[in-house]
Amino acid sequence: MNKPTTKPYLIRAIFDWCCECGYAPLLSVTVDAEMKDMRLPEENIKNGEIIFNIGPNAVRNLDIGNDIITFSARFNGVAREVSFPTEAVSGIFAREINQGIAFPEMNLQQEKAKAAEKNQEHVSRKISKPKSPKNGKANLRLIK
């Protein structure tokens, strides 16, 4: 069983800290064309990245899930629904003091490849043959 990543938990923790301190939490999202689950305001994407103010006064219905982040916000006066995978988040920080956390960049293909590799290692360990004795003879001892 794969353990969940710590990323969504850290995002929620920094978000809560920002809100408690009265800071505006900014979420940096890396835009990857191969990620199909992204609904973003494309006119605001710059250099493959978009930054959202996800503070309580800036967005509605914010849900920071383990797999996907969703909210609604206004962009140029037009209400839009926004959603993207949690793995696309490259950092979250407080705008006023520029403190927070940055996540190492990893694209979706790299994450899938790592997950498949770990799964393959796990399967190969389960079906590996037991080790035979070195000299080919059984090695049993009688214990009284």
N, C-alpha and C. Protein backbone atom coordinates (compact mmCIF):
# COMPACT_ATOMS: atom_id res chain seq x y z
N MET A 1 0.84 -1.18 0.00
CA MET A 1 0.00 0.00 0.00
C MET A 1 0.88 1.25 0.00
N ASN A 2 0.64 2.14 -0.94
CA ASN A 2 1.42 3.37 -1.01
C ASN A 2 0.96 4.34 0.05
N LYS A 3 1.91 4.94 0.72
CA LYS A 3 1.58 5.94 1.72
C LYS A 3 1.32 7.27 1.02
N PRO A 4 0.38 8.06 1.54
CA PRO A 4 0.11 9.35 0.90
C PRO A 4 1.29 10.30 1.06
N THR A 5 1.41 11.20 0.11
CA THR A 5 2.46 12.21 0.17
C THR A 5 2.15 13.23 1.26
N THR A 6 3.18 13.88 1.77
CA THR A 6 2.99 14.89 2.82
C THR A 6 2.60 16.24 2.26
N LYS A 7 2.68 16.41 0.95
CA LYS A 7 2.46 17.71 0.33
C LYS A 7 1.11 18.35 0.71
N PRO A 8 -0.04 17.67 0.58
CA PRO A 8 -1.30 18.34 0.92
C PRO A 8 -1.39 18.73 2.40
N TYR A 9 -0.77 17.94 3.26
CA TYR A 9 -0.79 18.25 4.69
C TYR A 9 0.03 19.50 4.98
N LEU A 10 1.17 19.63 4.31
CA LEU A 10 2.01 20.82 4.48
C LEU A 10 1.32 22.06 3.91
N ILE A 11 0.65 21.90 2.78
CA ILE A 11 -0.08 23.03 2.18
C ILE A 11 -1.14 23.52 3.15
N ARG A 12 -1.92 22.59 3.72
CA ARG A 12 -2.96 22.98 4.67
C ARG A 12 -2.37 23.64 5.91
N ALA A 13 -1.24 23.14 6.38
CA ALA A 13 -0.60 23.71 7.57
C ALA A 13 -0.14 25.15 7.32
N ILE A 14 0.52 25.39 6.21
CA ILE A 14 0.99 26.75 5.90
C ILE A 14 -0.20 27.67 5.65
N PHE A 15 -1.25 27.16 5.00
CA PHE A 15 -2.46 27.94 4.78
C PHE A 15 -3.05 28.38 6.12
N ASP A 16 -3.20 27.44 7.05
CA ASP A 16 -3.75 27.76 8.38
C ASP A 16 -2.88 28.78 9.10
N TRP A 17 -1.57 28.61 9.03
CA TRP A 17 -0.64 29.54 9.68
C TRP A 17 -0.80 30.94 9.10
N CYS A 18 -0.88 31.05 7.78
CA CYS A 18 -1.05 32.35 7.13
C CYS A 18 -2.35 33.02 7.61
N CYS A 19 -3.42 32.26 7.63
CA CYS A 19 -4.72 32.82 8.03
C CYS A 19 -4.71 33.26 9.50
N GLU A 20 -4.10 32.47 10.38
CA GLU A 20 -4.03 32.83 11.79
C GLU A 20 -3.21 34.09 12.02
N CYS A 21 -2.19 34.29 11.22
CA CYS A 21 -1.31 35.45 11.38
C CYS A 21 -1.80 36.67 10.61
N GLY A 22 -2.87 36.52 9.83
CA GLY A 22 -3.40 37.63 9.06
C GLY A 22 -2.67 37.88 7.75
N TYR A 23 -1.92 36.89 7.27
CA TYR A 23 -1.20 37.01 6.01
C TYR A 23 -2.04 36.46 4.85
N ALA A 24 -1.73 36.93 3.66
CA ALA A 24 -2.39 36.41 2.45
C ALA A 24 -1.60 35.20 1.96
N PRO A 25 -2.21 34.00 1.97
CA PRO A 25 -1.49 32.81 1.49
C PRO A 25 -1.49 32.77 -0.03
N LEU A 26 -0.30 32.72 -0.61
CA LEU A 26 -0.15 32.64 -2.06
C LEU A 26 0.28 31.23 -2.42
N LEU A 27 -0.38 30.67 -3.42
CA LEU A 27 -0.11 29.32 -3.86
C LEU A 27 0.48 29.38 -5.26
N SER A 28 1.68 28.85 -5.42
CA SER A 28 2.34 28.81 -6.72
C SER A 28 2.07 27.45 -7.36
N VAL A 29 1.55 27.47 -8.59
CA VAL A 29 1.18 26.24 -9.30
C VAL A 29 1.95 26.17 -10.61
N THR A 30 2.61 25.05 -10.83
CA THR A 30 3.30 24.80 -12.09
C THR A 30 2.30 24.21 -13.07
N VAL A 31 2.21 24.82 -14.24
CA VAL A 31 1.24 24.37 -15.24
C VAL A 31 1.94 23.37 -16.16
N ASP A 32 1.35 22.19 -16.25
CA ASP A 32 1.88 21.12 -17.10
C ASP A 32 0.80 20.76 -18.10
N ALA A 33 1.12 20.86 -19.38
CA ALA A 33 0.13 20.60 -20.43
C ALA A 33 -0.38 19.16 -20.39
N GLU A 34 0.40 18.24 -19.82
CA GLU A 34 -0.01 16.84 -19.78
C GLU A 34 -0.99 16.55 -18.65
N MET A 35 -1.14 17.45 -17.71
CA MET A 35 -2.09 17.24 -16.63
C MET A 35 -3.48 17.59 -17.14
N LYS A 36 -4.32 16.60 -17.18
CA LYS A 36 -5.66 16.79 -17.73
C LYS A 36 -6.64 17.40 -16.73
N ASP A 37 -6.35 17.27 -15.44
CA ASP A 37 -7.28 17.70 -14.39
C ASP A 37 -7.17 19.18 -14.05
N MET A 38 -6.58 19.98 -14.89
CA MET A 38 -6.38 21.40 -14.57
C MET A 38 -7.44 22.26 -15.22
N ARG A 39 -8.11 23.08 -14.40
CA ARG A 39 -9.01 24.13 -14.89
C ARG A 39 -8.46 25.43 -14.33
N LEU A 40 -7.77 26.17 -15.17
CA LEU A 40 -7.09 27.39 -14.75
C LEU A 40 -7.44 28.54 -15.67
N PRO A 41 -7.36 29.78 -15.17
CA PRO A 41 -7.51 30.94 -16.06
C PRO A 41 -6.24 31.10 -16.89
N GLU A 42 -6.28 30.61 -18.12
CA GLU A 42 -5.08 30.56 -18.95
C GLU A 42 -4.45 31.92 -19.22
N GLU A 43 -5.26 32.98 -19.19
CA GLU A 43 -4.72 34.32 -19.44
C GLU A 43 -3.79 34.80 -18.32
N ASN A 44 -3.84 34.15 -17.16
CA ASN A 44 -3.00 34.55 -16.03
C ASN A 44 -1.75 33.68 -15.88
N ILE A 45 -1.55 32.73 -16.76
CA ILE A 45 -0.37 31.85 -16.69
C ILE A 45 0.81 32.58 -17.31
N LYS A 46 1.91 32.63 -16.56
CA LYS A 46 3.14 33.27 -17.06
C LYS A 46 4.31 32.33 -16.83
N ASN A 47 5.04 32.06 -17.88
CA ASN A 47 6.22 31.20 -17.82
C ASN A 47 5.91 29.84 -17.21
N GLY A 48 4.77 29.27 -17.55
CA GLY A 48 4.41 27.95 -17.06
C GLY A 48 4.05 27.90 -15.59
N GLU A 49 3.69 29.05 -15.02
CA GLU A 49 3.35 29.12 -13.60
C GLU A 49 2.21 30.12 -13.39
N ILE A 50 1.42 29.87 -12.37
CA ILE A 50 0.36 30.79 -11.98
C ILE A 50 0.37 30.86 -10.46
N ILE A 51 0.14 32.07 -9.94
CA ILE A 51 0.13 32.27 -8.49
C ILE A 51 -1.26 32.73 -8.08
N PHE A 52 -1.84 32.03 -7.10
CA PHE A 52 -3.17 32.34 -6.60
C PHE A 52 -3.09 32.86 -5.17
N ASN A 53 -3.88 33.88 -4.88
CA ASN A 53 -4.13 34.28 -3.50
C ASN A 53 -5.31 33.42 -3.06
N ILE A 54 -5.07 32.50 -2.13
CA ILE A 54 -6.15 31.59 -1.71
C ILE A 54 -6.68 31.96 -0.32
N GLY A 55 -6.49 33.21 0.07
CA GLY A 55 -7.00 33.67 1.36
C GLY A 55 -8.52 33.63 1.40
N PRO A 56 -9.09 33.61 2.62
CA PRO A 56 -10.55 33.53 2.77
C PRO A 56 -11.31 34.68 2.09
N ASN A 57 -10.68 35.84 1.97
CA ASN A 57 -11.34 36.97 1.31
C ASN A 57 -11.17 36.96 -0.21
N ALA A 58 -10.32 36.08 -0.72
CA ALA A 58 -10.03 36.06 -2.15
C ALA A 58 -10.74 34.93 -2.89
N VAL A 59 -11.03 33.83 -2.21
CA VAL A 59 -11.64 32.68 -2.88
C VAL A 59 -12.85 32.19 -2.09
N ARG A 60 -13.66 31.38 -2.74
CA ARG A 60 -14.82 30.76 -2.12
C ARG A 60 -14.72 29.25 -2.29
N ASN A 61 -15.28 28.53 -1.36
CA ASN A 61 -15.36 27.06 -1.42
C ASN A 61 -14.00 26.41 -1.63
N LEU A 62 -12.98 26.89 -0.92
CA LEU A 62 -11.65 26.31 -1.04
C LEU A 62 -11.64 24.91 -0.44
N ASP A 63 -11.13 23.95 -1.21
CA ASP A 63 -10.97 22.58 -0.73
C ASP A 63 -9.57 22.12 -1.10
N ILE A 64 -8.73 21.98 -0.08
CA ILE A 64 -7.37 21.49 -0.29
C ILE A 64 -7.40 20.00 0.02
N GLY A 65 -7.69 19.21 -0.99
CA GLY A 65 -7.78 17.76 -0.83
C GLY A 65 -6.42 17.11 -0.98
N ASN A 66 -6.37 15.82 -0.72
CA ASN A 66 -5.10 15.10 -0.85
C ASN A 66 -4.68 14.95 -2.31
N ASP A 67 -5.65 14.93 -3.22
CA ASP A 67 -5.32 14.74 -4.63
C ASP A 67 -5.57 15.96 -5.50
N ILE A 68 -6.53 16.79 -5.11
CA ILE A 68 -6.91 17.92 -5.96
C ILE A 68 -7.28 19.12 -5.10
N ILE A 69 -7.00 20.30 -5.60
CA ILE A 69 -7.35 21.55 -4.93
C ILE A 69 -8.38 22.25 -5.81
N THR A 70 -9.49 22.67 -5.20
CA THR A 70 -10.54 23.36 -5.94
C THR A 70 -10.99 24.60 -5.18
N PHE A 71 -11.41 25.61 -5.93
CA PHE A 71 -12.00 26.82 -5.36
C PHE A 71 -12.62 27.62 -6.48
N SER A 72 -13.40 28.63 -6.10
CA SER A 72 -13.91 29.57 -7.09
C SER A 72 -13.38 30.95 -6.73
N ALA A 73 -13.08 31.73 -7.76
CA ALA A 73 -12.51 33.07 -7.55
C ALA A 73 -12.89 33.94 -8.74
N ARG A 74 -12.70 35.23 -8.57
CA ARG A 74 -12.96 36.18 -9.65
C ARG A 74 -11.63 36.58 -10.31
N PHE A 75 -11.65 36.55 -11.63
CA PHE A 75 -10.51 36.98 -12.42
C PHE A 75 -11.03 38.01 -13.41
N ASN A 76 -10.54 39.23 -13.29
CA ASN A 76 -11.01 40.35 -14.10
C ASN A 76 -12.52 40.51 -14.01
N GLY A 77 -13.06 40.30 -12.81
CA GLY A 77 -14.48 40.48 -12.56
C GLY A 77 -15.38 39.31 -12.94
N VAL A 78 -14.78 38.25 -13.47
CA VAL A 78 -15.56 37.09 -13.90
C VAL A 78 -15.30 35.93 -12.94
N ALA A 79 -16.39 35.37 -12.37
CA ALA A 79 -16.26 34.23 -11.46
C ALA A 79 -15.85 32.99 -12.25
N ARG A 80 -14.84 32.28 -11.73
CA ARG A 80 -14.34 31.07 -12.40
C ARG A 80 -14.13 29.97 -11.38
N GLU A 81 -14.36 28.75 -11.82
CA GLU A 81 -14.05 27.58 -11.02
C GLU A 81 -12.63 27.14 -11.37
N VAL A 82 -11.83 26.92 -10.35
CA VAL A 82 -10.43 26.55 -10.55
C VAL A 82 -10.19 25.20 -9.88
N SER A 83 -9.47 24.32 -10.56
CA SER A 83 -9.07 23.04 -9.97
C SER A 83 -7.77 22.58 -10.60
N PHE A 84 -6.97 21.92 -9.81
CA PHE A 84 -5.70 21.38 -10.28
C PHE A 84 -5.22 20.33 -9.29
N PRO A 85 -4.38 19.41 -9.75
CA PRO A 85 -3.86 18.37 -8.86
C PRO A 85 -2.93 18.98 -7.80
N THR A 86 -2.96 18.43 -6.63
CA THR A 86 -2.10 18.89 -5.54
C THR A 86 -0.63 18.77 -5.93
N GLU A 87 -0.30 17.78 -6.73
CA GLU A 87 1.09 17.59 -7.15
C GLU A 87 1.61 18.74 -8.01
N ALA A 88 0.72 19.58 -8.56
CA ALA A 88 1.15 20.71 -9.39
C ALA A 88 1.61 21.90 -8.54
N VAL A 89 1.35 21.88 -7.24
CA VAL A 89 1.73 23.00 -6.36
C VAL A 89 3.25 22.99 -6.19
N SER A 90 3.88 24.11 -6.49
CA SER A 90 5.33 24.21 -6.32
C SER A 90 5.71 24.97 -5.06
N GLY A 91 4.73 25.62 -4.41
CA GLY A 91 5.02 26.29 -3.15
C GLY A 91 3.83 27.04 -2.61
N ILE A 92 3.87 27.34 -1.31
CA ILE A 92 2.87 28.17 -0.66
C ILE A 92 3.61 29.07 0.32
N PHE A 93 3.25 30.36 0.30
CA PHE A 93 3.98 31.30 1.15
C PHE A 93 3.09 32.49 1.50
N ALA A 94 3.50 33.22 2.53
CA ALA A 94 2.79 34.42 2.96
C ALA A 94 3.28 35.60 2.14
N ARG A 95 2.36 36.32 1.50
CA ARG A 95 2.74 37.43 0.63
C ARG A 95 3.49 38.52 1.39
N GLU A 96 3.04 38.86 2.59
CA GLU A 96 3.59 40.00 3.32
C GLU A 96 5.03 39.79 3.78
N ILE A 97 5.38 38.56 4.13
CA ILE A 97 6.74 38.33 4.67
C ILE A 97 7.54 37.34 3.83
N ASN A 98 6.92 36.83 2.75
CA ASN A 98 7.60 35.92 1.82
C ASN A 98 8.18 34.69 2.53
N GLN A 99 7.46 34.15 3.51
CA GLN A 99 7.87 32.93 4.17
C GLN A 99 6.86 31.84 3.88
N GLY A 100 7.32 30.63 3.77
CA GLY A 100 6.45 29.51 3.49
C GLY A 100 7.27 28.29 3.18
N ILE A 101 6.82 27.55 2.20
CA ILE A 101 7.52 26.32 1.83
C ILE A 101 7.48 26.15 0.32
N ALA A 102 8.61 25.73 -0.24
CA ALA A 102 8.70 25.41 -1.67
C ALA A 102 8.90 23.91 -1.79
N PHE A 103 8.24 23.32 -2.77
CA PHE A 103 8.35 21.88 -2.98
C PHE A 103 9.27 21.63 -4.16
N PRO A 104 10.03 20.55 -4.10
CA PRO A 104 10.90 20.24 -5.24
C PRO A 104 10.06 20.00 -6.48
N GLU A 105 10.55 20.50 -7.60
CA GLU A 105 9.79 20.36 -8.84
C GLU A 105 9.90 18.94 -9.34
N MET A 106 8.74 18.38 -9.66
CA MET A 106 8.69 17.03 -10.20
C MET A 106 7.46 16.98 -11.10
N ASN A 107 7.68 16.59 -12.31
CA ASN A 107 6.51 16.55 -13.20
C ASN A 107 5.74 15.25 -13.02
N LEU A 108 4.57 15.20 -13.59
CA LEU A 108 3.66 14.09 -13.41
C LEU A 108 4.27 12.78 -13.91
N GLN A 109 4.97 12.81 -15.02
CA GLN A 109 5.56 11.59 -15.56
C GLN A 109 6.61 11.03 -14.62
N GLN A 110 7.40 11.91 -13.99
CA GLN A 110 8.40 11.43 -13.05
C GLN A 110 7.75 10.78 -11.85
N GLU A 111 6.66 11.37 -11.33
CA GLU A 111 5.97 10.79 -10.19
C GLU A 111 5.37 9.43 -10.54
N LYS A 112 4.75 9.33 -11.72
CA LYS A 112 4.18 8.06 -12.14
C LYS A 112 5.27 7.00 -12.31
N ALA A 113 6.40 7.39 -12.88
CA ALA A 113 7.50 6.44 -13.08
C ALA A 113 8.04 5.95 -11.75
N LYS A 114 8.18 6.86 -10.78
CA LYS A 114 8.66 6.45 -9.46
C LYS A 114 7.67 5.52 -8.78
N ALA A 115 6.39 5.82 -8.87
CA ALA A 115 5.36 4.97 -8.26
C ALA A 115 5.38 3.58 -8.91
N ALA A 116 5.49 3.53 -10.24
CA ALA A 116 5.52 2.25 -10.94
C ALA A 116 6.77 1.45 -10.56
N GLU A 117 7.90 2.14 -10.42
CA GLU A 117 9.14 1.49 -10.04
C GLU A 117 9.04 0.88 -8.64
N LYS A 118 8.48 1.64 -7.70
CA LYS A 118 8.30 1.13 -6.34
C LYS A 118 7.37 -0.07 -6.33
N ASN A 119 6.28 0.01 -7.11
CA ASN A 119 5.34 -1.09 -7.19
C ASN A 119 6.00 -2.33 -7.77
N GLN A 120 6.81 -2.15 -8.81
CA GLN A 120 7.51 -3.27 -9.43
C GLN A 120 8.49 -3.91 -8.45
N GLU A 121 9.22 -3.09 -7.67
CA GLU A 121 10.14 -3.62 -6.67
C GLU A 121 9.39 -4.44 -5.63
N HIS A 122 8.23 -3.93 -5.21
CA HIS A 122 7.42 -4.61 -4.20
C HIS A 122 6.94 -5.96 -4.73
N VAL A 123 6.49 -5.99 -5.98
CA VAL A 123 6.02 -7.23 -6.58
C VAL A 123 7.17 -8.21 -6.75
N SER A 124 8.32 -7.74 -7.21
CA SER A 124 9.45 -8.64 -7.43
C SER A 124 9.96 -9.23 -6.11
N ARG A 125 9.86 -8.49 -5.02
CA ARG A 125 10.27 -9.03 -3.71
C ARG A 125 9.34 -10.16 -3.29
N LYS A 126 8.05 -10.02 -3.59
CA LYS A 126 7.08 -11.03 -3.20
C LYS A 126 7.28 -12.34 -3.95
N ILE A 127 7.64 -12.27 -5.23
CA ILE A 127 7.73 -13.49 -6.02
C ILE A 127 9.16 -14.00 -6.19
N SER A 128 10.11 -13.42 -5.50
CA SER A 128 11.48 -13.87 -5.63
C SER A 128 11.62 -15.26 -5.00
N LYS A 129 12.50 -16.08 -5.59
CA LYS A 129 12.70 -17.44 -5.11
C LYS A 129 13.49 -17.42 -3.80
N PRO A 130 13.20 -18.37 -2.92
CA PRO A 130 13.97 -18.44 -1.68
C PRO A 130 15.42 -18.81 -2.00
N LYS A 131 16.34 -18.36 -1.18
CA LYS A 131 17.75 -18.64 -1.40
C LYS A 131 18.04 -20.11 -1.06
N SER A 132 18.80 -20.73 -1.93
CA SER A 132 19.18 -22.11 -1.68
C SER A 132 20.52 -22.11 -0.94
N PRO A 133 20.80 -23.16 -0.20
CA PRO A 133 22.09 -23.24 0.50
C PRO A 133 23.25 -23.15 -0.49
N LYS A 134 24.39 -22.69 -0.01
CA LYS A 134 25.54 -22.46 -0.89
C LYS A 134 26.09 -23.73 -1.51
N ASN A 135 26.13 -24.79 -0.75
CA ASN A 135 26.73 -26.02 -1.28
C ASN A 135 25.70 -26.95 -1.91
N GLY A 136 24.42 -26.54 -1.98
CA GLY A 136 23.40 -27.33 -2.63
C GLY A 136 22.71 -28.32 -1.70
N LYS A 137 23.21 -28.49 -0.47
CA LYS A 137 22.61 -29.42 0.47
C LYS A 137 21.70 -28.67 1.43
N ALA A 138 20.71 -29.38 1.90
CA ALA A 138 19.82 -28.79 2.90
C ALA A 138 20.60 -28.55 4.19
N ASN A 139 20.27 -27.49 4.87
CA ASN A 139 20.99 -27.15 6.09
C ASN A 139 19.98 -27.09 7.24
N LEU A 140 19.71 -28.25 7.84
CA LEU A 140 18.77 -28.33 8.94
C LEU A 140 19.51 -28.68 10.22
N ARG A 141 19.02 -28.12 11.31
CA ARG A 141 19.60 -28.44 12.61
C ARG A 141 18.49 -28.89 13.54
N LEU A 142 18.81 -29.81 14.40
CA LEU A 142 17.85 -30.28 15.38
C LEU A 142 18.05 -29.47 16.64
N ILE A 143 16.98 -28.84 17.11
CA ILE A 143 17.04 -28.01 18.31
C ILE A 143 16.23 -28.69 19.37
N LYS A 144 16.86 -28.92 20.54
CA LYS A 144 16.16 -29.59 21.65
C LYS A 144 15.75 -28.60 22.69
